[in-house]
Amino acid sequence: MARAVGIGYQDFEQMTSNDNFYIDKTMLIKEWWENNDAVTLITRPRRFGKTLNLDMIEHFFSVKYAGRSDLFQNLSIWQEKTCRNTAQEALARIERMKYAASLETKGIPQERI
């Protein structure tokens, strides 16, 4: 059966879990991480996947999705051993440094961390 082309998806997990047709843009994570920029500006026309890409990055780095490596296992970023290790190291550093508690004291809600 052919994959459906999902229109309007902005949730990475929903997009990949529903087995919709998805153009793998996960190498954007590697490119973004290696550039080490202070600010990243993503300029693209409407309906070009900006929100979906940001949600993909959130799923890759957020502690909230720490146990969800299954979302990336069939995508190109997971073939990059250094990226897998980087994500695991970043999550460990966040937990070790208690960044979440620090951000909460600054008034950032838990669901945004």
N, C-alpha and C. Protein backbone atom coordinates (compact mmCIF):
# COMPACT_ATOMS: atom_id res chain seq x y z
N MET A 1 0.84 -1.17 0.00
CA MET A 1 0.00 0.00 0.00
C MET A 1 0.89 1.24 0.00
N ALA A 2 0.54 2.23 -0.79
CA ALA A 2 1.33 3.46 -0.89
C ALA A 2 1.14 4.32 0.35
N ARG A 3 2.18 5.06 0.69
CA ARG A 3 2.09 5.97 1.82
C ARG A 3 1.25 7.17 1.45
N ALA A 4 0.51 7.65 2.44
CA ALA A 4 -0.30 8.84 2.23
C ALA A 4 0.57 10.09 2.37
N VAL A 5 0.25 11.09 1.59
CA VAL A 5 0.94 12.37 1.71
C VAL A 5 0.14 13.20 2.70
N GLY A 6 0.70 13.37 3.89
CA GLY A 6 0.03 14.13 4.94
C GLY A 6 0.24 15.62 4.72
N ILE A 7 -0.83 16.35 4.69
CA ILE A 7 -0.75 17.80 4.50
C ILE A 7 -1.12 18.48 5.81
N GLY A 8 -0.30 19.43 6.20
CA GLY A 8 -0.60 20.21 7.39
C GLY A 8 -0.05 19.65 8.68
N TYR A 9 0.73 18.57 8.62
CA TYR A 9 1.32 18.03 9.84
C TYR A 9 2.40 18.97 10.36
N GLN A 10 2.37 19.24 11.66
CA GLN A 10 3.40 20.04 12.29
C GLN A 10 4.01 19.29 13.46
N ASP A 11 3.57 18.08 13.70
CA ASP A 11 4.04 17.25 14.80
C ASP A 11 4.87 16.11 14.22
N PHE A 12 6.17 16.12 14.52
CA PHE A 12 7.10 15.13 13.99
C PHE A 12 6.71 13.71 14.37
N GLU A 13 6.36 13.51 15.63
CA GLU A 13 6.00 12.18 16.10
C GLU A 13 4.76 11.66 15.38
N GLN A 14 3.77 12.50 15.23
CA GLN A 14 2.55 12.10 14.55
C GLN A 14 2.83 11.78 13.07
N MET A 15 3.66 12.59 12.46
CA MET A 15 3.99 12.40 11.04
C MET A 15 4.69 11.06 10.81
N THR A 16 5.68 10.75 11.65
CA THR A 16 6.42 9.51 11.45
C THR A 16 5.66 8.28 11.96
N SER A 17 4.90 8.44 13.02
CA SER A 17 4.15 7.30 13.58
C SER A 17 3.02 6.86 12.68
N ASN A 18 2.43 7.80 11.94
CA ASN A 18 1.32 7.46 11.05
C ASN A 18 1.80 6.91 9.72
N ASP A 19 3.13 6.76 9.57
CA ASP A 19 3.73 6.24 8.35
C ASP A 19 3.34 7.06 7.12
N ASN A 20 3.26 8.38 7.32
CA ASN A 20 3.01 9.27 6.19
C ASN A 20 4.28 9.41 5.37
N PHE A 21 4.12 9.82 4.14
CA PHE A 21 5.27 10.12 3.28
C PHE A 21 6.03 11.27 3.92
N TYR A 22 7.32 11.08 4.14
CA TYR A 22 8.13 12.08 4.83
C TYR A 22 9.48 12.18 4.15
N ILE A 23 9.85 13.39 3.74
CA ILE A 23 11.17 13.62 3.17
C ILE A 23 12.13 13.83 4.33
N ASP A 24 13.10 12.96 4.44
CA ASP A 24 14.01 12.94 5.57
C ASP A 24 14.90 14.18 5.58
N LYS A 25 14.64 15.06 6.53
CA LYS A 25 15.44 16.27 6.69
C LYS A 25 16.21 16.24 8.01
N THR A 26 16.44 15.05 8.54
CA THR A 26 17.08 14.95 9.84
C THR A 26 18.55 15.35 9.83
N MET A 27 19.19 15.37 8.68
CA MET A 27 20.59 15.80 8.63
C MET A 27 20.70 17.30 8.91
N LEU A 28 19.58 18.00 8.91
CA LEU A 28 19.55 19.39 9.35
C LEU A 28 20.05 19.50 10.79
N ILE A 29 19.75 18.49 11.61
CA ILE A 29 20.20 18.47 13.01
C ILE A 29 21.72 18.47 13.06
N LYS A 30 22.34 17.60 12.28
CA LYS A 30 23.80 17.51 12.27
C LYS A 30 24.41 18.83 11.79
N GLU A 31 23.88 19.35 10.71
CA GLU A 31 24.38 20.61 10.16
C GLU A 31 24.26 21.75 11.18
N TRP A 32 23.11 21.82 11.82
CA TRP A 32 22.86 22.88 12.82
C TRP A 32 23.82 22.72 14.00
N TRP A 33 24.00 21.50 14.48
CA TRP A 33 24.86 21.26 15.64
C TRP A 33 26.32 21.58 15.32
N GLU A 34 26.78 21.17 14.15
CA GLU A 34 28.18 21.38 13.79
C GLU A 34 28.51 22.84 13.49
N ASN A 35 27.54 23.62 13.04
CA ASN A 35 27.78 25.04 12.77
C ASN A 35 28.02 25.82 14.04
N ASN A 36 27.45 25.37 15.15
CA ASN A 36 27.67 26.00 16.45
C ASN A 36 27.35 27.49 16.42
N ASP A 37 26.30 27.86 15.71
CA ASP A 37 25.88 29.27 15.62
C ASP A 37 25.16 29.69 16.88
N ALA A 38 25.28 30.96 17.22
CA ALA A 38 24.56 31.50 18.37
C ALA A 38 23.08 31.66 18.03
N VAL A 39 22.79 32.00 16.79
CA VAL A 39 21.41 32.20 16.33
C VAL A 39 21.26 31.53 14.97
N THR A 40 20.12 30.90 14.78
CA THR A 40 19.83 30.29 13.49
C THR A 40 18.54 30.89 12.95
N LEU A 41 18.60 31.43 11.77
CA LEU A 41 17.43 32.01 11.12
C LEU A 41 17.04 31.10 9.97
N ILE A 42 15.82 30.60 10.03
CA ILE A 42 15.33 29.72 8.98
C ILE A 42 14.29 30.48 8.18
N THR A 43 14.66 30.87 6.98
CA THR A 43 13.73 31.61 6.12
C THR A 43 13.32 30.72 4.96
N ARG A 44 12.08 30.44 4.91
CA ARG A 44 11.50 29.63 3.84
C ARG A 44 10.08 30.13 3.60
N PRO A 45 9.55 29.88 2.42
CA PRO A 45 8.16 30.30 2.14
C PRO A 45 7.16 29.56 3.04
N ARG A 46 5.95 30.02 3.02
CA ARG A 46 4.89 29.35 3.76
C ARG A 46 4.78 27.89 3.33
N ARG A 47 4.38 27.04 4.28
CA ARG A 47 4.11 25.63 4.01
C ARG A 47 5.36 24.88 3.53
N PHE A 48 6.52 25.27 4.03
CA PHE A 48 7.78 24.67 3.61
C PHE A 48 8.35 23.74 4.66
N GLY A 49 7.68 23.58 5.81
CA GLY A 49 8.11 22.62 6.82
C GLY A 49 8.94 23.21 7.94
N LYS A 50 8.89 24.52 8.14
CA LYS A 50 9.69 25.13 9.21
C LYS A 50 9.27 24.62 10.58
N THR A 51 7.99 24.62 10.86
CA THR A 51 7.49 24.18 12.16
C THR A 51 7.75 22.69 12.36
N LEU A 52 7.56 21.90 11.33
CA LEU A 52 7.83 20.46 11.43
C LEU A 52 9.31 20.21 11.71
N ASN A 53 10.20 20.97 11.07
CA ASN A 53 11.63 20.81 11.33
C ASN A 53 11.99 21.20 12.76
N LEU A 54 11.41 22.27 13.27
CA LEU A 54 11.68 22.66 14.65
C LEU A 54 11.16 21.61 15.62
N ASP A 55 10.01 21.02 15.32
CA ASP A 55 9.47 19.97 16.17
C ASP A 55 10.37 18.73 16.11
N MET A 56 10.93 18.44 14.93
CA MET A 56 11.87 17.32 14.79
C MET A 56 13.10 17.56 15.68
N ILE A 57 13.64 18.78 15.67
CA ILE A 57 14.80 19.11 16.50
C ILE A 57 14.45 18.98 17.98
N GLU A 58 13.24 19.43 18.34
CA GLU A 58 12.81 19.28 19.73
C GLU A 58 12.76 17.81 20.13
N HIS A 59 12.21 16.97 19.28
CA HIS A 59 12.13 15.53 19.60
C HIS A 59 13.52 14.92 19.72
N PHE A 60 14.48 15.44 19.00
CA PHE A 60 15.84 14.88 19.04
C PHE A 60 16.58 15.27 20.31
N PHE A 61 16.39 16.52 20.77
CA PHE A 61 17.18 17.02 21.89
C PHE A 61 16.44 17.12 23.22
N SER A 62 15.13 17.13 23.23
CA SER A 62 14.39 17.36 24.46
C SER A 62 14.44 16.17 25.41
N VAL A 63 14.59 16.46 26.69
CA VAL A 63 14.56 15.42 27.72
C VAL A 63 13.21 14.73 27.73
N LYS A 64 12.18 15.46 27.38
CA LYS A 64 10.83 14.92 27.36
C LYS A 64 10.71 13.70 26.44
N TYR A 65 11.54 13.64 25.39
CA TYR A 65 11.49 12.54 24.43
C TYR A 65 12.73 11.66 24.52
N ALA A 66 13.37 11.63 25.68
CA ALA A 66 14.64 10.91 25.86
C ALA A 66 14.53 9.43 25.49
N GLY A 67 13.43 8.80 25.74
CA GLY A 67 13.28 7.38 25.44
C GLY A 67 12.69 7.08 24.08
N ARG A 68 12.59 8.07 23.22
CA ARG A 68 11.92 7.88 21.93
C ARG A 68 12.88 7.82 20.74
N SER A 69 13.98 7.13 20.90
CA SER A 69 14.92 7.00 19.79
C SER A 69 14.30 6.27 18.61
N ASP A 70 13.20 5.53 18.85
CA ASP A 70 12.52 4.82 17.78
C ASP A 70 12.04 5.76 16.68
N LEU A 71 11.81 7.03 17.01
CA LEU A 71 11.35 8.00 16.01
C LEU A 71 12.42 8.28 14.96
N PHE A 72 13.69 8.04 15.29
CA PHE A 72 14.79 8.39 14.39
C PHE A 72 15.52 7.18 13.82
N GLN A 73 15.19 5.99 14.27
CA GLN A 73 15.98 4.82 13.89
C GLN A 73 16.00 4.53 12.39
N ASN A 74 14.98 4.87 11.67
CA ASN A 74 14.94 4.60 10.23
C ASN A 74 15.29 5.84 9.41
N LEU A 75 15.80 6.87 10.06
CA LEU A 75 16.12 8.12 9.37
C LEU A 75 17.63 8.30 9.29
N SER A 76 18.07 9.15 8.39
CA SER A 76 19.50 9.27 8.11
C SER A 76 20.32 9.76 9.30
N ILE A 77 19.76 10.56 10.18
CA ILE A 77 20.53 11.06 11.33
C ILE A 77 20.98 9.92 12.22
N TRP A 78 20.21 8.85 12.28
CA TRP A 78 20.53 7.73 13.17
C TRP A 78 21.69 6.90 12.62
N GLN A 79 22.02 7.09 11.35
CA GLN A 79 23.17 6.40 10.77
C GLN A 79 24.47 7.10 11.19
N GLU A 80 24.36 8.34 11.64
CA GLU A 80 25.51 9.12 12.09
C GLU A 80 25.78 8.80 13.56
N LYS A 81 26.78 7.99 13.82
CA LYS A 81 27.07 7.59 15.19
C LYS A 81 27.37 8.79 16.07
N THR A 82 28.07 9.78 15.53
CA THR A 82 28.41 10.96 16.33
C THR A 82 27.16 11.72 16.75
N CYS A 83 26.14 11.75 15.90
CA CYS A 83 24.90 12.45 16.27
C CYS A 83 24.15 11.70 17.36
N ARG A 84 24.12 10.38 17.27
CA ARG A 84 23.48 9.58 18.32
C ARG A 84 24.15 9.86 19.64
N ASN A 85 25.47 9.85 19.64
CA ASN A 85 26.23 10.10 20.87
C ASN A 85 26.02 11.52 21.35
N THR A 86 25.98 12.47 20.44
CA THR A 86 25.79 13.88 20.80
C THR A 86 24.45 14.07 21.50
N ALA A 87 23.41 13.46 20.98
CA ALA A 87 22.09 13.60 21.59
C ALA A 87 22.09 13.00 23.00
N GLN A 88 22.69 11.85 23.14
CA GLN A 88 22.74 11.21 24.46
C GLN A 88 23.58 12.03 25.43
N GLU A 89 24.69 12.60 24.95
CA GLU A 89 25.53 13.44 25.80
C GLU A 89 24.80 14.72 26.21
N ALA A 90 24.08 15.31 25.26
CA ALA A 90 23.34 16.55 25.56
C ALA A 90 22.26 16.29 26.61
N LEU A 91 21.54 15.19 26.48
CA LEU A 91 20.51 14.85 27.46
C LEU A 91 21.12 14.59 28.83
N ALA A 92 22.25 13.90 28.86
CA ALA A 92 22.92 13.63 30.13
C ALA A 92 23.40 14.93 30.77
N ARG A 93 23.92 15.85 29.96
CA ARG A 93 24.39 17.14 30.48
C ARG A 93 23.24 17.95 31.04
N ILE A 94 22.11 17.95 30.35
CA ILE A 94 20.94 18.68 30.83
C ILE A 94 20.50 18.15 32.18
N GLU A 95 20.44 16.83 32.31
CA GLU A 95 20.04 16.23 33.58
C GLU A 95 21.07 16.49 34.68
N ARG A 96 22.34 16.37 34.34
CA ARG A 96 23.41 16.56 35.32
C ARG A 96 23.47 18.00 35.81
N MET A 97 23.30 18.96 34.94
CA MET A 97 23.44 20.36 35.31
C MET A 97 22.14 20.94 35.87
N LYS A 98 21.09 20.15 35.88
CA LYS A 98 19.81 20.60 36.43
C LYS A 98 19.30 21.87 35.75
N TYR A 99 19.46 21.92 34.41
CA TYR A 99 19.00 23.07 33.66
C TYR A 99 17.50 23.28 33.81
N ALA A 100 16.76 22.19 33.90
CA ALA A 100 15.31 22.30 33.99
C ALA A 100 14.91 23.09 35.24
N ALA A 101 15.52 22.79 36.37
CA ALA A 101 15.20 23.51 37.61
C ALA A 101 15.56 24.98 37.49
N SER A 102 16.68 25.26 36.86
CA SER A 102 17.11 26.65 36.67
C SER A 102 16.13 27.41 35.79
N LEU A 103 15.67 26.76 34.73
CA LEU A 103 14.72 27.41 33.83
C LEU A 103 13.37 27.64 34.50
N GLU A 104 12.96 26.69 35.33
CA GLU A 104 11.69 26.85 36.06
C GLU A 104 11.75 28.04 37.01
N THR A 105 12.90 28.26 37.65
CA THR A 105 13.02 29.41 38.55
C THR A 105 12.95 30.72 37.80
N LYS A 106 13.22 30.68 36.51
CA LYS A 106 13.13 31.88 35.67
C LYS A 106 11.74 32.08 35.10
N GLY A 107 10.81 31.20 35.49
CA GLY A 107 9.41 31.36 35.07
C GLY A 107 9.03 30.62 33.81
N ILE A 108 9.90 29.75 33.31
CA ILE A 108 9.57 28.99 32.09
C ILE A 108 8.78 27.75 32.50
N PRO A 109 7.59 27.56 31.93
CA PRO A 109 6.77 26.42 32.31
C PRO A 109 7.44 25.08 31.94
N GLN A 110 7.19 24.06 32.73
CA GLN A 110 7.79 22.74 32.55
C GLN A 110 7.55 22.20 31.14
N GLU A 111 6.36 22.40 30.58
CA GLU A 111 6.07 21.86 29.25
C GLU A 111 6.85 22.53 28.15
N ARG A 112 7.46 23.69 28.41
CA ARG A 112 8.27 24.38 27.41
C ARG A 112 9.75 24.02 27.50
N ILE A 113 10.13 23.30 28.55
CA ILE A 113 11.55 22.97 28.75
C ILE A 113 11.90 21.73 27.95
